[in-house]
């Protein structure tokens, strides 16, 4: 258990429904009651959280706390992993976005509960995924999606005004338009050359808002849980969608589930990728798990 006395706090005021600063005000009393000093930095633009996590001096802080959604967490993790020297301070997450994937997994999607877990000082290992694209290396901690799931996320980005429900609306819309793509999928060195509707690699159990896509996933087991659908009718995809919120979609015969340490996708076209909820990069890509690369200030309740 770590003794938390001073936290560097990165706040995204524009994530989700622009609640970052409001949530900061809500959780300040939790930290004040525990005698924890906060060094608050507010992001100014896209990429700002990444740059702060990469460059700020953290020798005098006991943890780095991100207040925002999946995009903010992604930037902070990517920045930490891009530092010239390894970082030892643990990461805390207070949800203020629409997806809040890691917070859902840790069962602390309420900001006050998340703050209390940070104050408690208990940590656990957090795997990070090193994603190699054609022109850069990106570090992810949530999901890597290709095919229909990338299409869903691109649509969800245009529906931000709907809040958390945008993921469900986007999924239903894209299910009706899903198309198969020819690709070579490599899972721990085993190659599959076929047509696919989607491939989704998950570090936590959840994606989107409450979708339990990878029910067997653990964030510190050194593995990615990869959900693959090659062929399915629209009716079958609708059935998958109806079951994904409780994880029972794994019983469907057309759903494949793999736990791997590395995977790669090469497709006929340079298809867009969903990296931690951000549309970033294109195929071909490869990814490998970096086990316990970080530590997170929270204990799972499972």
C-alpha atoms as a PDB file:
ATOM      1  CA  UNK A   1       0.000   0.000   0.000  1.00  0.00           C
ATOM      2  CA  UNK A   2       1.455   3.359  -1.065  1.00  0.00           C
ATOM      3  CA  UNK A   3       1.298   6.449   1.178  1.00  0.00           C
ATOM      4  CA  UNK A   4      -0.256   9.186  -0.944  1.00  0.00           C
ATOM      5  CA  UNK A   5       0.647  12.702   0.162  1.00  0.00           C
ATOM      6  CA  UNK A   6       0.872  14.636  -3.100  1.00  0.00           C
ATOM      7  CA  UNK A   7      -0.824  13.985  -6.427  1.00  0.00           C
ATOM      8  CA  UNK A   8      -0.230  15.462  -9.845  1.00  0.00           C
ATOM      9  CA  UNK A   9      -3.719  15.801 -11.350  1.00  0.00           C
ATOM     10  CA  UNK A  10      -4.289  16.158 -15.110  1.00  0.00           C
ATOM     11  CA  UNK A  11      -7.821  17.374 -15.885  1.00  0.00           C
ATOM     12  CA  UNK A  12      -9.492  17.395 -19.287  1.00  0.00           C
ATOM     13  CA  UNK A  13     -12.230  20.074 -19.132  1.00  0.00           C
ATOM     14  CA  UNK A  14     -13.615  19.166 -22.548  1.00  0.00           C
ATOM     15  CA  UNK A  15     -13.965  15.371 -22.358  1.00  0.00           C
ATOM     16  CA  UNK A  16     -17.379  13.678 -22.295  1.00  0.00           C
ATOM     17  CA  UNK A  17     -19.961  16.338 -21.479  1.00  0.00           C
ATOM     18  CA  UNK A  18     -17.315  18.844 -20.374  1.00  0.00           C
ATOM     19  CA  UNK A  19     -17.569  17.766 -16.734  1.00  0.00           C
ATOM     20  CA  UNK A  20     -13.868  17.558 -15.895  1.00  0.00           C
ATOM     21  CA  UNK A  21     -13.602  20.712 -13.767  1.00  0.00           C
ATOM     22  CA  UNK A  22     -16.964  20.066 -12.099  1.00  0.00           C
ATOM     23  CA  UNK A  23     -15.845  16.561 -11.116  1.00  0.00           C
ATOM     24  CA  UNK A  24     -12.532  17.961  -9.849  1.00  0.00           C
ATOM     25  CA  UNK A  25     -14.493  20.219  -7.485  1.00  0.00           C
ATOM     26  CA  UNK A  26     -16.571  17.220  -6.339  1.00  0.00           C
ATOM     27  CA  UNK A  27     -13.570  15.071  -5.435  1.00  0.00           C
ATOM     28  CA  UNK A  28     -11.352  17.759  -3.873  1.00  0.00           C
ATOM     29  CA  UNK A  29     -12.935  17.272  -0.410  1.00  0.00           C
ATOM     30  CA  UNK A  30     -12.086  13.544  -0.518  1.00  0.00           C
ATOM     31  CA  UNK A  31      -8.410  14.332  -1.012  1.00  0.00           C
ATOM     32  CA  UNK A  32      -8.457  17.258   1.440  1.00  0.00           C
ATOM     33  CA  UNK A  33      -9.917  15.035   4.173  1.00  0.00           C
ATOM     34  CA  UNK A  34      -7.014  12.626   3.660  1.00  0.00           C
ATOM     35  CA  UNK A  35      -4.438  15.429   3.779  1.00  0.00           C
ATOM     36  CA  UNK A  36      -3.414  14.934   0.149  1.00  0.00           C
ATOM     37  CA  UNK A  37      -2.045  17.929  -1.727  1.00  0.00           C
ATOM     38  CA  UNK A  38      -3.126  18.302  -5.364  1.00  0.00           C
ATOM     39  CA  UNK A  39      -1.001  19.828  -8.118  1.00  0.00           C
ATOM     40  CA  UNK A  40      -3.669  20.440 -10.771  1.00  0.00           C
ATOM     41  CA  UNK A  41      -2.857  20.856 -14.472  1.00  0.00           C
ATOM     42  CA  UNK A  42      -5.692  21.566 -16.933  1.00  0.00           C
ATOM     43  CA  UNK A  43      -5.292  20.391 -20.528  1.00  0.00           C
ATOM     44  CA  UNK A  44      -5.449  23.069 -23.212  1.00  0.00           C
ATOM     45  CA  UNK A  45      -5.759  21.024 -26.383  1.00  0.00           C
ATOM     46  CA  UNK A  46      -5.593  17.523 -27.840  1.00  0.00           C
ATOM     47  CA  UNK A  47      -2.231  15.952 -27.008  1.00  0.00           C
ATOM     48  CA  UNK A  48      -1.631  18.214 -23.999  1.00  0.00           C
ATOM     49  CA  UNK A  49      -2.141  15.417 -21.436  1.00  0.00           C
ATOM     50  CA  UNK A  50       0.329  13.226 -23.344  1.00  0.00           C
ATOM     51  CA  UNK A  51       2.957  15.953 -23.347  1.00  0.00           C
ATOM     52  CA  UNK A  52       2.552  16.649 -19.621  1.00  0.00           C
ATOM     53  CA  UNK A  53       2.784  12.955 -18.735  1.00  0.00           C
ATOM     54  CA  UNK A  54       5.902  12.653 -20.896  1.00  0.00           C
ATOM     55  CA  UNK A  55       7.789  15.697 -19.646  1.00  0.00           C
ATOM     56  CA  UNK A  56       6.670  16.856 -16.182  1.00  0.00           C
ATOM     57  CA  UNK A  57       8.967  16.321 -13.204  1.00  0.00           C
ATOM     58  CA  UNK A  58       7.365  13.718 -10.926  1.00  0.00           C
ATOM     59  CA  UNK A  59      10.125  13.245  -8.391  1.00  0.00           C
ATOM     60  CA  UNK A  60       8.077  14.936  -5.661  1.00  0.00           C
ATOM     61  CA  UNK A  61       4.673  13.347  -6.273  1.00  0.00           C
ATOM     62  CA  UNK A  62       3.275  10.025  -5.091  1.00  0.00           C
ATOM     63  CA  UNK A  63       0.949   9.467  -8.032  1.00  0.00           C
ATOM     64  CA  UNK A  64      -0.452  10.834 -11.281  1.00  0.00           C
ATOM     65  CA  UNK A  65      -4.230  11.177 -11.471  1.00  0.00           C
ATOM     66  CA  UNK A  66      -6.153  11.589 -14.742  1.00  0.00           C
ATOM     67  CA  UNK A  67      -9.623  13.170 -14.664  1.00  0.00           C
ATOM     68  CA  UNK A  68     -11.287  12.581 -18.026  1.00  0.00           C
ATOM     69  CA  UNK A  69     -12.488   9.852 -20.343  1.00  0.00           C
ATOM     70  CA  UNK A  70     -10.775   7.097 -22.299  1.00  0.00           C
ATOM     71  CA  UNK A  71      -9.001   9.610 -24.529  1.00  0.00           C
ATOM     72  CA  UNK A  72      -7.414  11.379 -21.559  1.00  0.00           C
ATOM     73  CA  UNK A  73      -6.304   8.093 -19.982  1.00  0.00           C
ATOM     74  CA  UNK A  74      -4.850   7.016 -23.326  1.00  0.00           C
ATOM     75  CA  UNK A  75      -2.835  10.218 -23.664  1.00  0.00           C
ATOM     76  CA  UNK A  76      -1.518   9.982 -20.108  1.00  0.00           C
ATOM     77  CA  UNK A  77      -0.485   6.338 -20.495  1.00  0.00           C
ATOM     78  CA  UNK A  78       1.111   7.002 -23.886  1.00  0.00           C
ATOM     79  CA  UNK A  79       3.022   9.933 -22.413  1.00  0.00           C
ATOM     80  CA  UNK A  80       4.225   7.944 -19.405  1.00  0.00           C
ATOM     81  CA  UNK A  81       5.468   5.132 -21.634  1.00  0.00           C
ATOM     82  CA  UNK A  82       7.267   7.591 -23.943  1.00  0.00           C
ATOM     83  CA  UNK A  83       9.366   9.052 -21.108  1.00  0.00           C
ATOM     84  CA  UNK A  84      13.134   8.788 -21.478  1.00  0.00           C
ATOM     85  CA  UNK A  85      13.356   6.989 -18.122  1.00  0.00           C
ATOM     86  CA  UNK A  86      10.893   4.490 -16.597  1.00  0.00           C
ATOM     87  CA  UNK A  87       8.265   6.025 -14.325  1.00  0.00           C
ATOM     88  CA  UNK A  88       7.584   4.551 -10.903  1.00  0.00           C
ATOM     89  CA  UNK A  89       4.628   6.636  -9.694  1.00  0.00           C
ATOM     90  CA  UNK A  90       1.243   4.857  -9.885  1.00  0.00           C
ATOM     91  CA  UNK A  91      -1.664   6.022 -12.011  1.00  0.00           C
ATOM     92  CA  UNK A  92      -5.061   7.032 -10.638  1.00  0.00           C
ATOM     93  CA  UNK A  93      -8.203   7.435 -12.753  1.00  0.00           C
ATOM     94  CA  UNK A  94     -11.295   9.511 -11.998  1.00  0.00           C
ATOM     95  CA  UNK A  95     -13.941   9.081 -14.725  1.00  0.00           C
ATOM     96  CA  UNK A  96     -15.246  12.198 -16.451  1.00  0.00           C
ATOM     97  CA  UNK A  97     -15.894  10.957 -19.985  1.00  0.00           C
ATOM     98  CA  UNK A  98     -18.542   8.954 -21.787  1.00  0.00           C
ATOM     99  CA  UNK A  99     -16.744   5.608 -22.107  1.00  0.00           C
ATOM    100  CA  UNK A 100     -14.632   5.338 -18.923  1.00  0.00           C
ATOM    101  CA  UNK A 101     -13.511   1.828 -19.863  1.00  0.00           C
ATOM    102  CA  UNK A 102     -10.929   1.190 -17.134  1.00  0.00           C
ATOM    103  CA  UNK A 103     -13.151   2.736 -14.468  1.00  0.00           C
ATOM    104  CA  UNK A 104     -15.942   0.348 -15.448  1.00  0.00           C
ATOM    105  CA  UNK A 105     -13.578  -2.598 -15.156  1.00  0.00           C
ATOM    106  CA  UNK A 106     -12.425  -1.459 -11.712  1.00  0.00           C
ATOM    107  CA  UNK A 107     -16.030  -0.856 -10.611  1.00  0.00           C
ATOM    108  CA  UNK A 108     -15.297   2.752  -9.742  1.00  0.00           C
ATOM    109  CA  UNK A 109     -17.202   4.621 -12.438  1.00  0.00           C
ATOM    110  CA  UNK A 110     -18.506   6.974  -9.727  1.00  0.00           C
ATOM    111  CA  UNK A 111     -15.951   9.792  -9.299  1.00  0.00           C
ATOM    112  CA  UNK A 112     -16.236   9.874  -5.494  1.00  0.00           C
ATOM    113  CA  UNK A 113     -15.667   6.112  -5.242  1.00  0.00           C
ATOM    114  CA  UNK A 114     -12.719   6.415  -7.638  1.00  0.00           C
ATOM    115  CA  UNK A 115     -11.196   9.158  -5.482  1.00  0.00           C
ATOM    116  CA  UNK A 116     -11.608   7.032  -2.347  1.00  0.00           C
ATOM    117  CA  UNK A 117      -9.784   4.147  -4.018  1.00  0.00           C
ATOM    118  CA  UNK A 118      -6.914   6.464  -4.892  1.00  0.00           C
ATOM    119  CA  UNK A 119      -6.759   7.775  -1.320  1.00  0.00           C
ATOM    120  CA  UNK A 120      -6.617   4.180  -0.022  1.00  0.00           C
ATOM    121  CA  UNK A 121      -3.285   3.846  -1.825  1.00  0.00           C
ATOM    122  CA  UNK A 122      -3.693   0.212  -2.885  1.00  0.00           C
ATOM    123  CA  UNK A 123      -2.233  -0.568  -6.290  1.00  0.00           C
ATOM    124  CA  UNK A 124      -2.320  -3.411  -8.770  1.00  0.00           C
ATOM    125  CA  UNK A 125      -0.379  -4.155 -11.965  1.00  0.00           C
ATOM    126  CA  UNK A 126      -1.594  -2.606 -15.204  1.00  0.00           C
ATOM    127  CA  UNK A 127      -0.559  -4.127 -18.532  1.00  0.00           C
ATOM    128  CA  UNK A 128       0.202  -1.760 -21.394  1.00  0.00           C
ATOM    129  CA  UNK A 129       0.057  -2.680 -25.087  1.00  0.00           C
ATOM    130  CA  UNK A 130       2.806  -1.539 -27.447  1.00  0.00           C
ATOM    131  CA  UNK A 131       1.244  -0.914 -30.869  1.00  0.00           C
ATOM    132  CA  UNK A 132       3.558  -0.601 -33.872  1.00  0.00           C
ATOM    133  CA  UNK A 133       2.127   1.299 -36.828  1.00  0.00           C
ATOM    134  CA  UNK A 134       3.844   2.061 -40.105  1.00  0.00           C
ATOM    135  CA  UNK A 135       5.209   5.397 -38.888  1.00  0.00           C
ATOM    136  CA  UNK A 136       4.968   5.436 -35.086  1.00  0.00           C
ATOM    137  CA  UNK A 137       4.679   3.455 -31.872  1.00  0.00           C
ATOM    138  CA  UNK A 138       1.616   4.032 -29.682  1.00  0.00           C
ATOM    139  CA  UNK A 139       0.981   2.699 -26.182  1.00  0.00           C
ATOM    140  CA  UNK A 140      -2.561   1.595 -25.356  1.00  0.00           C
ATOM    141  CA  UNK A 141      -4.262   0.415 -22.196  1.00  0.00           C
ATOM    142  CA  UNK A 142      -7.897  -0.195 -23.212  1.00  0.00           C
ATOM    143  CA  UNK A 143      -8.784  -1.537 -26.660  1.00  0.00           C
ATOM    144  CA  UNK A 144      -7.491  -2.006 -30.185  1.00  0.00           C
ATOM    145  CA  UNK A 145     -10.234  -2.361 -32.764  1.00  0.00           C
ATOM    146  CA  UNK A 146     -10.406  -2.988 -36.487  1.00  0.00           C
ATOM    147  CA  UNK A 147     -13.242  -3.491 -38.973  1.00  0.00           C
ATOM    148  CA  UNK A 148     -16.808  -2.851 -37.847  1.00  0.00           C
ATOM    149  CA  UNK A 149     -15.696  -1.737 -34.363  1.00  0.00           C
ATOM    150  CA  UNK A 150     -13.621   1.052 -35.916  1.00  0.00           C
ATOM    151  CA  UNK A 151     -16.620   2.049 -37.999  1.00  0.00           C
ATOM    152  CA  UNK A 152     -18.737   2.118 -34.830  1.00  0.00           C
ATOM    153  CA  UNK A 153     -16.266   4.345 -33.026  1.00  0.00           C
ATOM    154  CA  UNK A 154     -16.002   6.732 -35.967  1.00  0.00           C
ATOM    155  CA  UNK A 155     -19.796   7.049 -35.964  1.00  0.00           C
ATOM    156  CA  UNK A 156     -19.876   7.468 -32.160  1.00  0.00           C
ATOM    157  CA  UNK A 157     -17.436  10.377 -32.467  1.00  0.00           C
ATOM    158  CA  UNK A 158     -20.026  12.192 -34.576  1.00  0.00           C
ATOM    159  CA  UNK A 159     -22.708  11.501 -31.965  1.00  0.00           C
ATOM    160  CA  UNK A 160     -20.960  12.915 -28.891  1.00  0.00           C
ATOM    161  CA  UNK A 161     -23.992  15.085 -28.148  1.00  0.00           C
ATOM    162  CA  UNK A 162     -25.841  11.885 -27.142  1.00  0.00           C
ATOM    163  CA  UNK A 163     -23.479  11.173 -24.245  1.00  0.00           C
ATOM    164  CA  UNK A 164     -22.874   7.526 -23.213  1.00  0.00           C
ATOM    165  CA  UNK A 165     -25.758   6.256 -25.357  1.00  0.00           C
ATOM    166  CA  UNK A 166     -23.816   7.225 -28.488  1.00  0.00           C
ATOM    167  CA  UNK A 167     -21.972   3.887 -28.457  1.00  0.00           C
ATOM    168  CA  UNK A 168     -25.169   1.849 -28.550  1.00  0.00           C
ATOM    169  CA  UNK A 169     -26.709   4.014 -31.260  1.00  0.00           C
ATOM    170  CA  UNK A 170     -23.531   3.843 -33.354  1.00  0.00           C
ATOM    171  CA  UNK A 171     -23.315   0.059 -32.900  1.00  0.00           C
ATOM    172  CA  UNK A 172     -26.886  -0.497 -34.081  1.00  0.00           C
ATOM    173  CA  UNK A 173     -26.361   1.773 -37.082  1.00  0.00           C
ATOM    174  CA  UNK A 174     -23.142   0.079 -38.162  1.00  0.00           C
ATOM    175  CA  UNK A 175     -24.535  -3.420 -37.625  1.00  0.00           C
ATOM    176  CA  UNK A 176     -26.946  -2.724 -40.466  1.00  0.00           C
ATOM    177  CA  UNK A 177     -24.047  -1.640 -42.699  1.00  0.00           C
ATOM    178  CA  UNK A 178     -21.249  -3.987 -41.581  1.00  0.00           C
ATOM    179  CA  UNK A 179     -19.053  -5.349 -44.335  1.00  0.00           C
ATOM    180  CA  UNK A 180     -16.412  -8.066 -44.365  1.00  0.00           C
ATOM    181  CA  UNK A 181     -12.811  -7.167 -45.029  1.00  0.00           C
ATOM    182  CA  UNK A 182     -10.069  -9.485 -46.273  1.00  0.00           C
ATOM    183  CA  UNK A 183      -7.118  -9.596 -43.863  1.00  0.00           C
ATOM    184  CA  UNK A 184      -4.371 -11.682 -42.343  1.00  0.00           C
ATOM    185  CA  UNK A 185      -4.764 -11.968 -38.581  1.00  0.00           C
ATOM    186  CA  UNK A 186      -1.846 -13.293 -36.555  1.00  0.00           C
ATOM    187  CA  UNK A 187      -2.447 -14.436 -32.961  1.00  0.00           C
ATOM    188  CA  UNK A 188       0.690 -15.418 -31.004  1.00  0.00           C
ATOM    189  CA  UNK A 189       2.366 -16.403 -34.254  1.00  0.00           C
ATOM    190  CA  UNK A 190      -0.593 -18.381 -35.646  1.00  0.00           C
ATOM    191  CA  UNK A 191      -1.855 -16.894 -38.907  1.00  0.00           C
ATOM    192  CA  UNK A 192      -5.461 -16.754 -40.156  1.00  0.00           C
ATOM    193  CA  UNK A 193      -6.065 -15.508 -43.710  1.00  0.00           C
ATOM    194  CA  UNK A 194      -9.793 -14.859 -44.165  1.00  0.00           C
ATOM    195  CA  UNK A 195     -12.567 -12.293 -44.330  1.00  0.00           C
ATOM    196  CA  UNK A 196     -13.587 -10.650 -41.056  1.00  0.00           C
ATOM    197  CA  UNK A 197     -16.363  -8.393 -39.811  1.00  0.00           C
ATOM    198  CA  UNK A 198     -14.282  -7.213 -36.875  1.00  0.00           C
ATOM    199  CA  UNK A 199     -11.375  -7.878 -34.550  1.00  0.00           C
ATOM    200  CA  UNK A 200     -11.338  -6.280 -31.089  1.00  0.00           C
ATOM    201  CA  UNK A 201      -8.489  -6.720 -28.615  1.00  0.00           C
ATOM    202  CA  UNK A 202      -9.333  -5.781 -25.023  1.00  0.00           C
ATOM    203  CA  UNK A 203      -7.245  -5.203 -21.917  1.00  0.00           C
ATOM    204  CA  UNK A 204     -10.235  -4.565 -19.575  1.00  0.00           C
ATOM    205  CA  UNK A 205     -13.571  -6.378 -19.638  1.00  0.00           C
ATOM    206  CA  UNK A 206     -15.564  -3.449 -21.002  1.00  0.00           C
ATOM    207  CA  UNK A 207     -15.707  -1.297 -24.086  1.00  0.00           C
ATOM    208  CA  UNK A 208     -17.990   1.581 -24.980  1.00  0.00           C
ATOM    209  CA  UNK A 209     -20.555   2.228 -22.293  1.00  0.00           C
ATOM    210  CA  UNK A 210     -21.277  -0.947 -20.352  1.00  0.00           C
ATOM    211  CA  UNK A 211     -20.509  -3.417 -23.156  1.00  0.00           C
ATOM    212  CA  UNK A 212     -18.864  -6.450 -21.510  1.00  0.00           C
ATOM    213  CA  UNK A 213     -17.093  -7.513 -24.667  1.00  0.00           C
ATOM    214  CA  UNK A 214     -14.238  -9.401 -22.959  1.00  0.00           C
ATOM    215  CA  UNK A 215     -15.738 -10.921 -19.791  1.00  0.00           C
ATOM    216  CA  UNK A 216     -12.612 -12.975 -18.969  1.00  0.00           C
ATOM    217  CA  UNK A 217     -10.172 -10.074 -19.309  1.00  0.00           C
ATOM    218  CA  UNK A 218      -7.916  -8.942 -16.461  1.00  0.00           C
ATOM    219  CA  UNK A 219      -5.816  -5.791 -16.708  1.00  0.00           C
ATOM    220  CA  UNK A 220      -2.728  -7.357 -15.161  1.00  0.00           C
ATOM    221  CA  UNK A 221      -2.633 -10.907 -16.534  1.00  0.00           C
ATOM    222  CA  UNK A 222      -0.130 -10.229 -19.320  1.00  0.00           C
ATOM    223  CA  UNK A 223      -2.664 -11.047 -22.019  1.00  0.00           C
ATOM    224  CA  UNK A 224      -5.034  -9.395 -24.452  1.00  0.00           C
ATOM    225  CA  UNK A 225      -8.515 -10.847 -24.904  1.00  0.00           C
ATOM    226  CA  UNK A 226      -9.284 -10.799 -28.630  1.00  0.00           C
ATOM    227  CA  UNK A 227     -12.864 -11.100 -29.883  1.00  0.00           C
ATOM    228  CA  UNK A 228     -13.153 -12.086 -33.553  1.00  0.00           C
ATOM    229  CA  UNK A 229     -16.196 -12.300 -35.819  1.00  0.00           C
ATOM    230  CA  UNK A 230     -15.536 -13.520 -39.344  1.00  0.00           C
ATOM    231  CA  UNK A 231     -18.988 -13.978 -40.843  1.00  0.00           C
ATOM    232  CA  UNK A 232     -22.416 -13.139 -39.444  1.00  0.00           C
ATOM    233  CA  UNK A 233     -25.767 -12.025 -40.800  1.00  0.00           C
ATOM    234  CA  UNK A 234     -27.324  -8.747 -39.686  1.00  0.00           C
ATOM    235  CA  UNK A 235     -29.687 -10.745 -37.494  1.00  0.00           C
ATOM    236  CA  UNK A 236     -26.768 -12.548 -35.856  1.00  0.00           C
ATOM    237  CA  UNK A 237     -24.978  -9.237 -35.279  1.00  0.00           C
ATOM    238  CA  UNK A 238     -28.111  -7.817 -33.658  1.00  0.00           C
ATOM    239  CA  UNK A 239     -28.207 -10.900 -31.432  1.00  0.00           C
ATOM    240  CA  UNK A 240     -24.567 -10.307 -30.492  1.00  0.00           C
ATOM    241  CA  UNK A 241     -25.390  -6.706 -29.610  1.00  0.00           C
ATOM    242  CA  UNK A 242     -28.284  -7.778 -27.383  1.00  0.00           C
ATOM    243  CA  UNK A 243     -25.978 -10.110 -25.419  1.00  0.00           C
ATOM    244  CA  UNK A 244     -22.799  -8.046 -25.202  1.00  0.00           C
ATOM    245  CA  UNK A 245     -23.866  -6.124 -22.104  1.00  0.00           C
ATOM    246  CA  UNK A 246     -23.720  -9.227 -19.880  1.00  0.00           C
ATOM    247  CA  UNK A 247     -20.980 -11.126 -21.730  1.00  0.00           C
ATOM    248  CA  UNK A 248     -23.271 -13.939 -22.913  1.00  0.00           C
ATOM    249  CA  UNK A 249     -22.361 -13.216 -26.555  1.00  0.00           C
ATOM    250  CA  UNK A 250     -19.462 -15.655 -26.108  1.00  0.00           C
ATOM    251  CA  UNK A 251     -22.024 -18.484 -26.329  1.00  0.00           C
ATOM    252  CA  UNK A 252     -22.770 -17.562 -29.948  1.00  0.00           C
ATOM    253  CA  UNK A 253     -21.146 -20.010 -32.356  1.00  0.00           C
ATOM    254  CA  UNK A 254     -19.829 -17.322 -34.712  1.00  0.00           C
ATOM    255  CA  UNK A 255     -17.946 -15.448 -31.960  1.00  0.00           C
ATOM    256  CA  UNK A 256     -14.293 -16.439 -31.438  1.00  0.00           C
ATOM    257  CA  UNK A 257     -12.414 -15.595 -28.231  1.00  0.00           C
ATOM    258  CA  UNK A 258      -8.645 -15.724 -27.849  1.00  0.00           C
ATOM    259  CA  UNK A 259      -6.231 -14.773 -25.068  1.00  0.00           C
ATOM    260  CA  UNK A 260      -2.851 -13.808 -26.508  1.00  0.00           C
ATOM    261  CA  UNK A 261       0.360 -11.942 -25.776  1.00  0.00           C
ATOM    262  CA  UNK A 262       0.691 -10.515 -29.280  1.00  0.00           C
ATOM    263  CA  UNK A 263      -1.303 -10.072 -32.467  1.00  0.00           C
ATOM    264  CA  UNK A 264      -1.078  -8.387 -35.847  1.00  0.00           C
ATOM    265  CA  UNK A 265      -3.430  -7.375 -38.659  1.00  0.00           C
ATOM    266  CA  UNK A 266      -2.563  -6.807 -42.309  1.00  0.00           C
ATOM    267  CA  UNK A 267      -5.499  -5.981 -44.590  1.00  0.00           C
ATOM    268  CA  UNK A 268      -5.936  -5.376 -48.299  1.00  0.00           C
ATOM    269  CA  UNK A 269      -6.629  -1.696 -47.683  1.00  0.00           C
ATOM    270  CA  UNK A 270      -5.130   0.684 -45.139  1.00  0.00           C
ATOM    271  CA  UNK A 271      -8.102   0.395 -42.801  1.00  0.00           C
ATOM    272  CA  UNK A 272      -8.452   2.799 -39.854  1.00  0.00           C
ATOM    273  CA  UNK A 273      -7.853   1.588 -36.299  1.00  0.00           C
ATOM    274  CA  UNK A 274      -9.570   2.308 -33.009  1.00  0.00           C
ATOM    275  CA  UNK A 275      -6.853   2.738 -30.385  1.00  0.00           C
ATOM    276  CA  UNK A 276      -8.283   3.272 -26.888  1.00  0.00           C
ATOM    277  CA  UNK A 277     -11.372   4.863 -28.394  1.00  0.00           C
ATOM    278  CA  UNK A 278      -9.365   7.213 -30.616  1.00  0.00           C
ATOM    279  CA  UNK A 279      -9.354   6.882 -34.411  1.00  0.00           C
ATOM    280  CA  UNK A 280      -5.619   6.669 -34.955  1.00  0.00           C
ATOM    281  CA  UNK A 281      -3.414   4.942 -37.506  1.00  0.00           C
ATOM    282  CA  UNK A 282      -4.119   2.308 -40.142  1.00  0.00           C
ATOM    283  CA  UNK A 283      -3.310  -1.286 -40.920  1.00  0.00           C
ATOM    284  CA  UNK A 284      -0.894  -2.983 -41.089  1.00  0.00           C
ATOM    285  CA  UNK A 285      -0.254  -3.006 -37.350  1.00  0.00           C
ATOM    286  CA  UNK A 286       1.243  -5.261 -34.708  1.00  0.00           C
ATOM    287  CA  UNK A 287       0.810  -5.260 -30.942  1.00  0.00           C
ATOM    288  CA  UNK A 288       2.401  -6.902 -27.937  1.00  0.00           C
ATOM    289  CA  UNK A 289       1.565  -6.837 -24.238  1.00  0.00           C
ATOM    290  CA  UNK A 290       4.059  -5.279 -21.834  1.00  0.00           C
ATOM    291  CA  UNK A 291       3.080  -7.082 -18.621  1.00  0.00           C
ATOM    292  CA  UNK A 292       2.713  -4.927 -15.494  1.00  0.00           C
ATOM    293  CA  UNK A 293       4.312  -1.948 -17.244  1.00  0.00           C
ATOM    294  CA  UNK A 294       2.451   0.445 -14.905  1.00  0.00           C
ATOM    295  CA  UNK A 295       0.624   0.295 -11.610  1.00  0.00           C
ATOM    296  CA  UNK A 296      -2.870   1.644 -11.047  1.00  0.00           C
ATOM    297  CA  UNK A 297      -4.271   3.091  -7.832  1.00  0.00           C
ATOM    298  CA  UNK A 298      -7.297   0.833  -7.438  1.00  0.00           C
ATOM    299  CA  UNK A 299      -8.131  -2.674  -6.457  1.00  0.00           C
ATOM    300  CA  UNK A 300     -10.533  -4.776  -8.507  1.00  0.00           C
ATOM    301  CA  UNK A 301     -13.636  -5.955  -6.661  1.00  0.00           C
ATOM    302  CA  UNK A 302     -14.157  -9.132  -8.685  1.00  0.00           C
END
